Amino acid sequence: MAILLFFGLHWYLSLFVQTFYLHRYAAHRMFTMSPFWERAFHLFTWLAQGSSYLNPAVYGMMHRAHHAYADTEQDPHSPKFDENPFKMMWKTAGHYNGLLYGKLAAEERFTRDLPRWKLMEVVGESWVSRIAWGLLYTAFYAAFATAWWQWLLLPLQFVMGPLHGMIINWYAHTYGYVNYPTDNTSKNLMPMDVIMLGEGLHNNHHTHAARANFGTKWWEFDPTWPVIKVLDLAGIIRLRKTA
């Protein structure tokens, strides 16, 4: 039971920082926040993603390119150009590292107004950090695992951040339903998206890219949206007005 609880906590904390901070804030700037809160959520991203920490600025560049070039050869990740989700995941990692280490140049329009914190980026991307988090996960399993099959979850925790990206960028461009016709293959995986905290409402998001609530129909639920509303009411963030 302890392992399942640990895995579930890691799943949702990692997923929350990806959808709230990396996606809706860093890439799309659906809301604003003070420099203090920007760094606080950046630190929280490292704590939540751990060994699979994703640089917010690089994530923002990649996701902006995904929207601009969805399902074309310039898309950093599209099922149209890869035979399986693991090959797409590997190609995405190569693109990410290319931007991170300066081997690939992002278009200037994709690099504006991104959250930067050099110290946290260096720490989060370091192999010391990644290995240390991995050892902590492994130690927890060694202490609390009660069955052999529980160890099968451990490798998923090592790559939790990219795993979430792969699920959306492959399956939400392959399976599901469509509310809005688009020039890409984006689909909504499920109307009540409690598994992916709203990220599965992908067709809605591609249609209304500036909208902080990914649910657009009355019967669709984006679990991250109520959290955003509470943070807005508390003054921690400020939602931008959209048409």
C-alpha atoms as a PDB file:
ATOM      1  CA  MET A   1       0.000   0.000   0.000  1.00  0.00           C
ATOM      2  CA  ALA A   2       2.841   2.428   0.832  1.00  0.00           C
ATOM      3  CA  ILE A   3       4.361   1.977  -2.634  1.00  0.00           C
ATOM      4  CA  LEU A   4       1.052   2.633  -4.397  1.00  0.00           C
ATOM      5  CA  LEU A   5       0.485   5.740  -2.299  1.00  0.00           C
ATOM      6  CA  PHE A   6       4.023   6.949  -3.028  1.00  0.00           C
ATOM      7  CA  PHE A   7       3.597   6.325  -6.747  1.00  0.00           C
ATOM      8  CA  GLY A   8       0.213   8.083  -6.820  1.00  0.00           C
ATOM      9  CA  LEU A   9       1.550  11.097  -4.913  1.00  0.00           C
ATOM     10  CA  HIS A  10       4.519  11.389  -7.264  1.00  0.00           C
ATOM     11  CA  TRP A  11       2.254  10.965 -10.311  1.00  0.00           C
ATOM     12  CA  TYR A  12      -0.071  13.805  -9.362  1.00  0.00           C
ATOM     13  CA  LEU A  13       2.513  16.219  -7.947  1.00  0.00           C
ATOM     14  CA  SER A  14       4.709  15.825 -11.038  1.00  0.00           C
ATOM     15  CA  LEU A  15       1.691  16.134 -13.297  1.00  0.00           C
ATOM     16  CA  PHE A  16       0.430  19.225 -11.480  1.00  0.00           C
ATOM     17  CA  VAL A  17       3.671  21.185 -11.883  1.00  0.00           C
ATOM     18  CA  GLN A  18       3.833  20.148 -15.524  1.00  0.00           C
ATOM     19  CA  THR A  19       0.314  21.284 -16.372  1.00  0.00           C
ATOM     20  CA  PHE A  20       0.192  24.325 -14.065  1.00  0.00           C
ATOM     21  CA  TYR A  21       3.720  25.728 -14.157  1.00  0.00           C
ATOM     22  CA  LEU A  22       5.456  24.344 -17.239  1.00  0.00           C
ATOM     23  CA  HIS A  23       2.485  24.246 -19.594  1.00  0.00           C
ATOM     24  CA  ARG A  24      -0.072  26.870 -18.618  1.00  0.00           C
ATOM     25  CA  TYR A  25       2.401  29.370 -17.165  1.00  0.00           C
ATOM     26  CA  ALA A  26       5.816  28.940 -18.843  1.00  0.00           C
ATOM     27  CA  ALA A  27       4.613  28.029 -22.331  1.00  0.00           C
ATOM     28  CA  HIS A  28       1.320  29.923 -22.582  1.00  0.00           C
ATOM     29  CA  ARG A  29       1.435  32.629 -19.898  1.00  0.00           C
ATOM     30  CA  MET A  30      -2.262  32.109 -19.160  1.00  0.00           C
ATOM     31  CA  PHE A  31      -1.669  33.941 -15.895  1.00  0.00           C
ATOM     32  CA  THR A  32       0.997  36.073 -14.265  1.00  0.00           C
ATOM     33  CA  MET A  33       2.759  35.766 -10.923  1.00  0.00           C
ATOM     34  CA  SER A  34       5.369  37.709  -8.956  1.00  0.00           C
ATOM     35  CA  PRO A  35       9.086  36.847  -9.193  1.00  0.00           C
ATOM     36  CA  PHE A  36       8.838  35.306  -5.711  1.00  0.00           C
ATOM     37  CA  TRP A  37       6.036  32.921  -6.671  1.00  0.00           C
ATOM     38  CA  GLU A  38       7.682  32.151 -10.012  1.00  0.00           C
ATOM     39  CA  ARG A  39      10.766  30.901  -8.186  1.00  0.00           C
ATOM     40  CA  ALA A  40       8.682  29.141  -5.538  1.00  0.00           C
ATOM     41  CA  PHE A  41       6.836  27.137  -8.205  1.00  0.00           C
ATOM     42  CA  HIS A  42      10.115  26.516 -10.040  1.00  0.00           C
ATOM     43  CA  LEU A  43      11.559  25.027  -6.852  1.00  0.00           C
ATOM     44  CA  PHE A  44       8.380  23.016  -6.364  1.00  0.00           C
ATOM     45  CA  THR A  45       8.767  21.706  -9.937  1.00  0.00           C
ATOM     46  CA  TRP A  46      12.190  20.298  -9.044  1.00  0.00           C
ATOM     47  CA  LEU A  47      10.876  18.758  -5.833  1.00  0.00           C
ATOM     48  CA  ALA A  48       7.845  17.229  -7.554  1.00  0.00           C
ATOM     49  CA  GLN A  49       9.543  15.954 -10.724  1.00  0.00           C
ATOM     50  CA  GLY A  50      12.766  14.943  -9.025  1.00  0.00           C
ATOM     51  CA  SER A  51      14.893  12.772 -11.286  1.00  0.00           C
ATOM     52  CA  SER A  52      12.846  13.767 -14.357  1.00  0.00           C
ATOM     53  CA  TYR A  53      13.020  17.538 -13.787  1.00  0.00           C
ATOM     54  CA  LEU A  54      12.159  19.516 -16.925  1.00  0.00           C
ATOM     55  CA  ASN A  55      13.636  22.973 -17.507  1.00  0.00           C
ATOM     56  CA  PRO A  56      10.633  25.363 -17.678  1.00  0.00           C
ATOM     57  CA  ALA A  57      12.169  27.579 -20.375  1.00  0.00           C
ATOM     58  CA  VAL A  58      13.105  24.657 -22.629  1.00  0.00           C
ATOM     59  CA  TYR A  59       9.694  23.087 -22.068  1.00  0.00           C
ATOM     60  CA  GLY A  60       8.110  26.405 -23.049  1.00  0.00           C
ATOM     61  CA  MET A  61      10.103  26.632 -26.290  1.00  0.00           C
ATOM     62  CA  MET A  62       9.228  23.070 -27.278  1.00  0.00           C
ATOM     63  CA  HIS A  63       5.550  23.420 -26.504  1.00  0.00           C
ATOM     64  CA  ARG A  64       5.236  26.673 -28.418  1.00  0.00           C
ATOM     65  CA  ALA A  65       6.825  24.961 -31.425  1.00  0.00           C
ATOM     66  CA  HIS A  66       4.367  22.074 -31.003  1.00  0.00           C
ATOM     67  CA  HIS A  67       1.439  24.475 -31.317  1.00  0.00           C
ATOM     68  CA  ALA A  68       2.947  26.359 -34.248  1.00  0.00           C
ATOM     69  CA  TYR A  69       3.872  23.214 -36.204  1.00  0.00           C
ATOM     70  CA  ALA A  70       1.469  20.573 -34.854  1.00  0.00           C
ATOM     71  CA  ASP A  71       1.672  17.309 -36.813  1.00  0.00           C
ATOM     72  CA  THR A  72       4.189  18.624 -39.328  1.00  0.00           C
ATOM     73  CA  GLU A  73       7.838  17.599 -39.667  1.00  0.00           C
ATOM     74  CA  GLN A  74       8.803  20.614 -37.525  1.00  0.00           C
ATOM     75  CA  ASP A  75       6.687  19.382 -34.608  1.00  0.00           C
ATOM     76  CA  PRO A  76       9.020  18.221 -31.788  1.00  0.00           C
ATOM     77  CA  HIS A  77       6.628  15.322 -31.085  1.00  0.00           C
ATOM     78  CA  SER A  78       3.908  13.957 -33.342  1.00  0.00           C
ATOM     79  CA  PRO A  79       2.550  10.414 -33.771  1.00  0.00           C
ATOM     80  CA  LYS A  80       2.397  11.037 -37.517  1.00  0.00           C
ATOM     81  CA  PHE A  81       6.183  10.711 -37.810  1.00  0.00           C
ATOM     82  CA  ASP A  82       6.989   7.941 -35.329  1.00  0.00           C
ATOM     83  CA  GLU A  83       5.992   4.267 -35.284  1.00  0.00           C
ATOM     84  CA  ASN A  84       5.415   4.028 -31.533  1.00  0.00           C
ATOM     85  CA  PRO A  85       5.264   6.243 -28.431  1.00  0.00           C
ATOM     86  CA  PHE A  86       8.722   5.221 -27.224  1.00  0.00           C
ATOM     87  CA  LYS A  87      10.392   6.321 -30.446  1.00  0.00           C
ATOM     88  CA  MET A  88       8.530   9.625 -30.222  1.00  0.00           C
ATOM     89  CA  MET A  89       9.638   9.968 -26.590  1.00  0.00           C
ATOM     90  CA  TRP A  90      13.272   9.403 -27.595  1.00  0.00           C
ATOM     91  CA  LYS A  91      13.050  11.971 -30.404  1.00  0.00           C
ATOM     92  CA  THR A  92      11.473  14.471 -28.013  1.00  0.00           C
ATOM     93  CA  ALA A  93      14.336  13.933 -25.558  1.00  0.00           C
ATOM     94  CA  GLY A  94      16.822  14.635 -28.342  1.00  0.00           C
ATOM     95  CA  HIS A  95      15.037  17.860 -29.251  1.00  0.00           C
ATOM     96  CA  TYR A  96      14.893  18.892 -25.590  1.00  0.00           C
ATOM     97  CA  ASN A  97      18.621  18.292 -25.094  1.00  0.00           C
ATOM     98  CA  GLY A  98      19.417  20.091 -28.337  1.00  0.00           C
ATOM     99  CA  LEU A  99      17.685  23.231 -27.057  1.00  0.00           C
ATOM    100  CA  LEU A 100      19.108  22.823 -23.554  1.00  0.00           C
ATOM    101  CA  TYR A 101      22.746  22.589 -24.687  1.00  0.00           C
ATOM    102  CA  GLY A 102      22.510  25.028 -27.603  1.00  0.00           C
ATOM    103  CA  LYS A 103      22.814  22.470 -30.403  1.00  0.00           C
ATOM    104  CA  LEU A 104      19.383  23.515 -31.686  1.00  0.00           C
ATOM    105  CA  ALA A 105      18.242  27.109 -32.017  1.00  0.00           C
ATOM    106  CA  ALA A 106      14.643  27.971 -31.180  1.00  0.00           C
ATOM    107  CA  GLU A 107      12.855  30.627 -33.177  1.00  0.00           C
ATOM    108  CA  GLU A 108      12.936  34.005 -31.459  1.00  0.00           C
ATOM    109  CA  ARG A 109       9.147  34.059 -31.067  1.00  0.00           C
ATOM    110  CA  PHE A 110       9.371  30.862 -28.970  1.00  0.00           C
ATOM    111  CA  THR A 111      11.958  32.280 -26.549  1.00  0.00           C
ATOM    112  CA  ARG A 112      10.143  35.383 -25.269  1.00  0.00           C
ATOM    113  CA  ASP A 113       8.982  35.821 -21.698  1.00  0.00           C
ATOM    114  CA  LEU A 114      10.096  32.463 -20.333  1.00  0.00           C
ATOM    115  CA  PRO A 115      10.820  31.793 -16.627  1.00  0.00           C
ATOM    116  CA  ARG A 116      14.561  31.645 -15.968  1.00  0.00           C
ATOM    117  CA  TRP A 117      16.469  30.722 -12.818  1.00  0.00           C
ATOM    118  CA  LYS A 118      19.998  29.703 -13.728  1.00  0.00           C
ATOM    119  CA  LEU A 119      20.898  28.152 -10.362  1.00  0.00           C
ATOM    120  CA  MET A 120      17.778  25.978 -10.231  1.00  0.00           C
ATOM    121  CA  GLU A 121      18.216  24.959 -13.876  1.00  0.00           C
ATOM    122  CA  VAL A 122      21.817  23.855 -13.240  1.00  0.00           C
ATOM    123  CA  VAL A 123      20.861  21.944 -10.097  1.00  0.00           C
ATOM    124  CA  GLY A 124      17.789  20.299 -11.627  1.00  0.00           C
ATOM    125  CA  GLU A 125      19.563  19.241 -14.818  1.00  0.00           C
ATOM    126  CA  SER A 126      22.671  17.903 -13.058  1.00  0.00           C
ATOM    127  CA  TRP A 127      23.295  14.175 -12.935  1.00  0.00           C
ATOM    128  CA  VAL A 128      24.054  14.539  -9.232  1.00  0.00           C
ATOM    129  CA  SER A 129      20.487  15.675  -8.668  1.00  0.00           C
ATOM    130  CA  ARG A 130      18.944  13.069 -10.961  1.00  0.00           C
ATOM    131  CA  ILE A 131      20.910  10.180  -9.457  1.00  0.00           C
ATOM    132  CA  ALA A 132      20.248  11.387  -5.899  1.00  0.00           C
ATOM    133  CA  TRP A 133      16.494  11.450  -6.536  1.00  0.00           C
ATOM    134  CA  GLY A 134      16.698   8.014  -8.126  1.00  0.00           C
ATOM    135  CA  LEU A 135      18.508   6.644  -5.089  1.00  0.00           C
ATOM    136  CA  LEU A 136      15.873   8.142  -2.785  1.00  0.00           C
ATOM    137  CA  TYR A 137      13.086   6.467  -4.774  1.00  0.00           C
ATOM    138  CA  THR A 138      14.972   3.167  -4.716  1.00  0.00           C
ATOM    139  CA  ALA A 139      15.553   3.401  -0.958  1.00  0.00           C
ATOM    140  CA  PHE A 140      11.839   3.959  -0.393  1.00  0.00           C
ATOM    141  CA  TYR A 141      11.027   0.859  -2.437  1.00  0.00           C
ATOM    142  CA  ALA A 142      13.638  -1.159  -0.549  1.00  0.00           C
ATOM    143  CA  ALA A 143      12.055  -0.116   2.736  1.00  0.00           C
ATOM    144  CA  PHE A 144       8.370  -0.482   1.852  1.00  0.00           C
ATOM    145  CA  ALA A 145       7.903  -2.781  -1.163  1.00  0.00           C
ATOM    146  CA  THR A 146       5.944  -5.900  -0.169  1.00  0.00           C
ATOM    147  CA  ALA A 147       5.666  -7.659  -3.551  1.00  0.00           C
ATOM    148  CA  TRP A 148       7.945  -8.091  -6.568  1.00  0.00           C
ATOM    149  CA  TRP A 149       5.501  -6.443  -8.976  1.00  0.00           C
ATOM    150  CA  GLN A 150       5.708  -3.163  -7.087  1.00  0.00           C
ATOM    151  CA  TRP A 151       9.288  -2.784  -8.304  1.00  0.00           C
ATOM    152  CA  LEU A 152       7.912  -2.521 -11.852  1.00  0.00           C
ATOM    153  CA  LEU A 153       6.654   0.956 -10.953  1.00  0.00           C
ATOM    154  CA  LEU A 154      10.100   2.254 -10.006  1.00  0.00           C
ATOM    155  CA  PRO A 155      11.427   2.843 -13.568  1.00  0.00           C
ATOM    156  CA  LEU A 156       8.301   4.882 -14.308  1.00  0.00           C
ATOM    157  CA  GLN A 157       9.116   7.161 -11.400  1.00  0.00           C
ATOM    158  CA  PHE A 158      12.587   7.791 -12.790  1.00  0.00           C
ATOM    159  CA  VAL A 159      11.045   9.278 -15.980  1.00  0.00           C
ATOM    160  CA  MET A 160       7.754  10.605 -14.621  1.00  0.00           C
ATOM    161  CA  GLY A 161       7.888  14.024 -16.344  1.00  0.00           C
ATOM    162  CA  PRO A 162       8.641  12.767 -19.867  1.00  0.00           C
ATOM    163  CA  LEU A 163       6.191   9.899 -19.314  1.00  0.00           C
ATOM    164  CA  HIS A 164       3.339  12.353 -18.801  1.00  0.00           C
ATOM    165  CA  GLY A 165       4.386  14.233 -21.914  1.00  0.00           C
ATOM    166  CA  MET A 166       4.464  11.035 -23.940  1.00  0.00           C
ATOM    167  CA  ILE A 167       0.950  10.026 -22.829  1.00  0.00           C
ATOM    168  CA  ILE A 168      -0.547  13.311 -24.003  1.00  0.00           C
ATOM    169  CA  ASN A 169       1.536  13.852 -27.116  1.00  0.00           C
ATOM    170  CA  TRP A 170       0.946  10.314 -28.377  1.00  0.00           C
ATOM    171  CA  TYR A 171      -2.414   9.136 -27.093  1.00  0.00           C
ATOM    172  CA  ALA A 172      -4.200  12.519 -27.189  1.00  0.00           C
ATOM    173  CA  HIS A 173      -3.193  12.804 -30.836  1.00  0.00           C
ATOM    174  CA  THR A 174      -4.312   9.240 -31.581  1.00  0.00           C
ATOM    175  CA  TYR A 175      -7.420   8.326 -29.562  1.00  0.00           C
ATOM    176  CA  GLY A 176     -10.447  10.173 -28.256  1.00  0.00           C
ATOM    177  CA  TYR A 177     -13.163  12.514 -29.422  1.00  0.00           C
ATOM    178  CA  VAL A 178     -13.098  15.880 -31.146  1.00  0.00           C
ATOM    179  CA  ASN A 179     -15.106  18.950 -30.185  1.00  0.00           C
ATOM    180  CA  TYR A 180     -13.518  21.292 -32.713  1.00  0.00           C
ATOM    181  CA  PRO A 181     -12.144  20.657 -36.206  1.00  0.00           C
ATOM    182  CA  THR A 182      -8.462  21.617 -36.360  1.00  0.00           C
ATOM    183  CA  ASP A 183      -5.555  21.308 -38.786  1.00  0.00           C
ATOM    184  CA  ASN A 184      -3.959  18.688 -36.520  1.00  0.00           C
ATOM    185  CA  THR A 185      -4.804  15.349 -34.901  1.00  0.00           C
ATOM    186  CA  SER A 186      -5.454  16.618 -31.360  1.00  0.00           C
ATOM    187  CA  LYS A 187      -8.227  14.810 -29.497  1.00  0.00           C
ATOM    188  CA  ASN A 188      -9.826  14.779 -26.066  1.00  0.00           C
ATOM    189  CA  LEU A 189      -8.973  11.561 -24.241  1.00  0.00           C
ATOM    190  CA  MET A 190     -11.808  11.755 -21.702  1.00  0.00           C
ATOM    191  CA  PRO A 191     -14.405  14.348 -20.629  1.00  0.00           C
ATOM    192  CA  MET A 192     -13.671  13.938 -16.887  1.00  0.00           C
ATOM    193  CA  ASP A 193      -9.897  14.037 -16.993  1.00  0.00           C
ATOM    194  CA  VAL A 194      -8.894  13.192 -13.437  1.00  0.00           C
ATOM    195  CA  ILE A 195      -6.058  10.938 -14.614  1.00  0.00           C
ATOM    196  CA  MET A 196      -4.102  13.641 -16.471  1.00  0.00           C
ATOM    197  CA  LEU A 197      -5.398  16.699 -14.543  1.00  0.00           C
ATOM    198  CA  GLY A 198      -7.049  18.182 -17.627  1.00  0.00           C
ATOM    199  CA  GLU A 199      -4.185  17.670 -20.075  1.00  0.00           C
ATOM    200  CA  GLY A 200      -6.233  15.005 -21.840  1.00  0.00           C
ATOM    201  CA  LEU A 201      -8.688  17.674 -23.038  1.00  0.00           C
ATOM    202  CA  HIS A 202      -6.177  18.257 -25.786  1.00  0.00           C
ATOM    203  CA  ASN A 203      -8.426  19.113 -28.730  1.00  0.00           C
ATOM    204  CA  ASN A 204     -10.022  21.837 -26.625  1.00  0.00           C
ATOM    205  CA  HIS A 205      -6.594  23.198 -25.743  1.00  0.00           C
ATOM    206  CA  HIS A 206      -5.336  23.251 -29.319  1.00  0.00           C
ATOM    207  CA  THR A 207      -8.463  25.178 -30.295  1.00  0.00           C
ATOM    208  CA  HIS A 208      -8.377  27.649 -27.386  1.00  0.00           C
ATOM    209  CA  ALA A 209      -4.651  27.795 -26.622  1.00  0.00           C
ATOM    210  CA  ALA A 210      -4.883  30.839 -24.326  1.00  0.00           C
ATOM    211  CA  ARG A 211      -7.756  29.461 -22.221  1.00  0.00           C
ATOM    212  CA  ALA A 212      -6.698  28.380 -18.732  1.00  0.00           C
ATOM    213  CA  ASN A 213      -9.694  26.049 -18.307  1.00  0.00           C
ATOM    214  CA  PHE A 214      -9.210  23.115 -20.691  1.00  0.00           C
ATOM    215  CA  GLY A 215     -12.824  22.027 -20.298  1.00  0.00           C
ATOM    216  CA  THR A 216     -15.100  23.841 -22.742  1.00  0.00           C
ATOM    217  CA  LYS A 217     -18.350  21.846 -22.611  1.00  0.00           C
ATOM    218  CA  TRP A 218     -20.538  21.784 -19.507  1.00  0.00           C
ATOM    219  CA  TRP A 219     -19.882  18.061 -19.095  1.00  0.00           C
ATOM    220  CA  GLU A 220     -16.080  18.344 -19.270  1.00  0.00           C
ATOM    221  CA  PHE A 221     -14.000  18.721 -16.113  1.00  0.00           C
ATOM    222  CA  ASP A 222     -10.439  20.016 -15.868  1.00  0.00           C
ATOM    223  CA  PRO A 223      -9.263  19.324 -12.273  1.00  0.00           C
ATOM    224  CA  THR A 224      -6.485  21.915 -12.485  1.00  0.00           C
ATOM    225  CA  TRP A 225      -8.908  24.729 -13.227  1.00  0.00           C
ATOM    226  CA  PRO A 226     -10.400  24.982  -9.690  1.00  0.00           C
ATOM    227  CA  VAL A 227      -6.866  25.127  -8.266  1.00  0.00           C
ATOM    228  CA  ILE A 228      -6.027  27.978 -10.654  1.00  0.00           C
ATOM    229  CA  LYS A 229      -9.182  29.838  -9.595  1.00  0.00           C
ATOM    230  CA  VAL A 230      -8.296  29.478  -5.907  1.00  0.00           C
ATOM    231  CA  LEU A 231      -4.731  30.698  -6.523  1.00  0.00           C
ATOM    232  CA  ASP A 232      -6.140  33.643  -8.490  1.00  0.00           C
ATOM    233  CA  LEU A 233      -8.577  34.539  -5.703  1.00  0.00           C
ATOM    234  CA  ALA A 234      -5.741  34.274  -3.179  1.00  0.00           C
ATOM    235  CA  GLY A 235      -3.657  36.736  -5.207  1.00  0.00           C
ATOM    236  CA  ILE A 236      -0.842  34.265  -5.828  1.00  0.00           C
ATOM    237  CA  ILE A 237      -1.459  34.409  -9.582  1.00  0.00           C
ATOM    238  CA  ARG A 238      -3.461  36.734 -11.829  1.00  0.00           C
ATOM    239  CA  LEU A 239      -5.455  35.217 -14.664  1.00  0.00           C
ATOM    240  CA  ARG A 240      -5.164  37.004 -17.999  1.00  0.00           C
ATOM    241  CA  LYS A 241      -8.353  38.071 -19.718  1.00  0.00           C
ATOM    242  CA  THR A 242      -9.114  36.077 -22.872  1.00  0.00           C
ATOM    243  CA  ALA A 243     -11.691  36.590 -25.581  1.00  0.00           C
END
